[in-house]
């Protein structure tokens, strides 16, 4: 059995176009980075448009952010604000416990501007 970690995985599913801003803000808050996966929602557009009267755009970005619990609340609050997630149908955010996190053994220069 592995020892518990203080790491969490923050999963943010947001309208396409917001991920770059959120990832940049995460780095400003001290995170090393995030992984962005482009996806599409599966809601029936006709149902969405007839019920809400809004045009449905299924394109979404899924942002995976591994972070320490000590910064979790601060990062969630900023992502909510920058992603305008207080508005309905703009996105969803949830946190997954991480039992163990294994990292590459390659030596990273965290001060390096660009990574290959």
Protein backbone atom coordinates (compact mmCIF):
# COMPACT_ATOMS: atom_id res chain seq x y z
CA UNK A 1 0.00 0.00 0.00
CA UNK A 2 1.34 3.43 -0.91
CA UNK A 3 1.36 6.38 1.44
CA UNK A 4 -1.27 9.03 0.78
CA UNK A 5 -0.11 12.08 -1.12
CA UNK A 6 -1.05 15.71 -0.75
CA UNK A 7 -1.71 15.81 -4.49
CA UNK A 8 -5.09 16.25 -6.17
CA UNK A 9 -6.11 16.18 -9.82
CA UNK A 10 -8.23 19.20 -10.73
CA UNK A 11 -10.32 18.43 -13.81
CA UNK A 12 -11.81 21.47 -15.52
CA UNK A 13 -14.10 21.07 -18.53
CA UNK A 14 -14.63 24.46 -20.08
CA UNK A 15 -15.81 26.12 -23.26
CA UNK A 16 -13.19 26.08 -25.98
CA UNK A 17 -10.99 29.16 -25.92
CA UNK A 18 -10.60 29.59 -22.16
CA UNK A 19 -7.94 26.94 -21.51
CA UNK A 20 -4.91 29.01 -22.54
CA UNK A 21 -5.89 31.78 -20.10
CA UNK A 22 -6.49 29.30 -17.27
CA UNK A 23 -3.23 27.40 -17.80
CA UNK A 24 -1.27 30.67 -17.92
CA UNK A 25 -2.89 31.79 -14.67
CA UNK A 26 -2.08 28.42 -13.09
CA UNK A 27 1.60 28.95 -13.85
CA UNK A 28 1.38 32.46 -12.36
CA UNK A 29 -0.04 30.84 -9.20
CA UNK A 30 2.99 28.54 -8.98
CA UNK A 31 1.85 25.44 -10.86
CA UNK A 32 4.28 23.72 -13.21
CA UNK A 33 1.63 23.41 -15.90
CA UNK A 34 -1.43 21.49 -17.00
CA UNK A 35 -2.49 19.13 -19.77
CA UNK A 36 -5.21 20.31 -22.15
CA UNK A 37 -7.29 17.81 -24.12
CA UNK A 38 -9.69 19.05 -26.77
CA UNK A 39 -13.10 17.38 -26.80
CA UNK A 40 -16.73 17.68 -27.75
CA UNK A 41 -19.83 17.56 -25.59
CA UNK A 42 -22.51 15.00 -26.40
CA UNK A 43 -25.65 16.98 -25.60
CA UNK A 44 -28.26 16.88 -28.36
CA UNK A 45 -28.00 20.43 -29.81
CA UNK A 46 -31.71 20.55 -30.71
CA UNK A 47 -32.74 19.73 -27.14
CA UNK A 48 -30.30 22.30 -25.75
CA UNK A 49 -31.44 25.03 -28.13
CA UNK A 50 -35.17 24.37 -27.75
CA UNK A 51 -35.08 24.29 -23.93
CA UNK A 52 -32.69 27.16 -23.36
CA UNK A 53 -33.00 29.14 -26.56
CA UNK A 54 -29.22 29.24 -26.87
CA UNK A 55 -26.94 28.09 -29.64
CA UNK A 56 -25.02 25.01 -28.57
CA UNK A 57 -21.30 24.78 -29.28
CA UNK A 58 -20.08 21.27 -28.37
CA UNK A 59 -16.34 22.11 -28.47
CA UNK A 60 -14.75 21.89 -25.02
CA UNK A 61 -11.31 21.87 -23.47
CA UNK A 62 -10.50 19.44 -20.66
CA UNK A 63 -7.75 20.79 -18.41
CA UNK A 64 -5.97 18.28 -16.17
CA UNK A 65 -3.99 19.93 -13.38
CA UNK A 66 -2.01 17.97 -10.78
CA UNK A 67 -1.52 20.18 -7.75
CA UNK A 68 -0.87 20.22 -4.05
CA UNK A 69 -3.83 20.57 -1.71
CA UNK A 70 -2.28 23.72 -0.24
CA UNK A 71 -3.04 25.68 -3.45
CA UNK A 72 -6.22 23.87 -4.51
CA UNK A 73 -8.79 26.39 -3.25
CA UNK A 74 -6.89 29.37 -4.66
CA UNK A 75 -6.51 27.74 -8.10
CA UNK A 76 -10.17 26.66 -8.20
CA UNK A 77 -11.33 30.18 -7.36
CA UNK A 78 -9.18 31.77 -10.10
CA UNK A 79 -10.22 29.17 -12.69
CA UNK A 80 -13.88 29.77 -11.79
CA UNK A 81 -13.40 33.52 -12.17
CA UNK A 82 -11.37 33.50 -15.39
CA UNK A 83 -13.51 30.79 -17.00
CA UNK A 84 -16.70 32.66 -16.08
CA UNK A 85 -17.95 29.39 -14.62
CA UNK A 86 -20.51 31.03 -12.32
CA UNK A 87 -22.68 31.39 -15.42
CA UNK A 88 -24.83 28.39 -16.40
CA UNK A 89 -23.54 25.97 -19.03
CA UNK A 90 -20.00 27.32 -19.15
CA UNK A 91 -18.20 24.38 -17.62
CA UNK A 92 -17.68 21.96 -14.77
CA UNK A 93 -14.84 21.44 -12.34
CA UNK A 94 -14.16 18.52 -10.02
CA UNK A 95 -11.30 17.15 -7.93
CA UNK A 96 -9.98 13.58 -7.87
CA UNK A 97 -7.83 12.17 -5.06
CA UNK A 98 -4.39 11.03 -6.21
CA UNK A 99 -3.10 7.93 -4.42
CA UNK A 100 0.34 8.07 -5.99
CA UNK A 101 2.06 10.30 -8.52
CA UNK A 102 5.08 9.15 -10.49
CA UNK A 103 7.15 11.68 -12.37
CA UNK A 104 9.73 11.35 -15.09
CA UNK A 105 13.23 10.85 -13.75
CA UNK A 106 14.58 13.38 -16.25
CA UNK A 107 16.11 16.42 -14.61
CA UNK A 108 13.94 19.46 -15.31
CA UNK A 109 15.16 23.03 -15.38
CA UNK A 110 12.12 24.81 -13.96
CA UNK A 111 13.58 28.21 -14.84
CA UNK A 112 13.74 27.35 -18.53
CA UNK A 113 11.29 29.44 -20.59
CA UNK A 114 10.42 26.83 -23.22
CA UNK A 115 10.54 23.07 -23.04
CA UNK A 116 11.42 20.93 -26.06
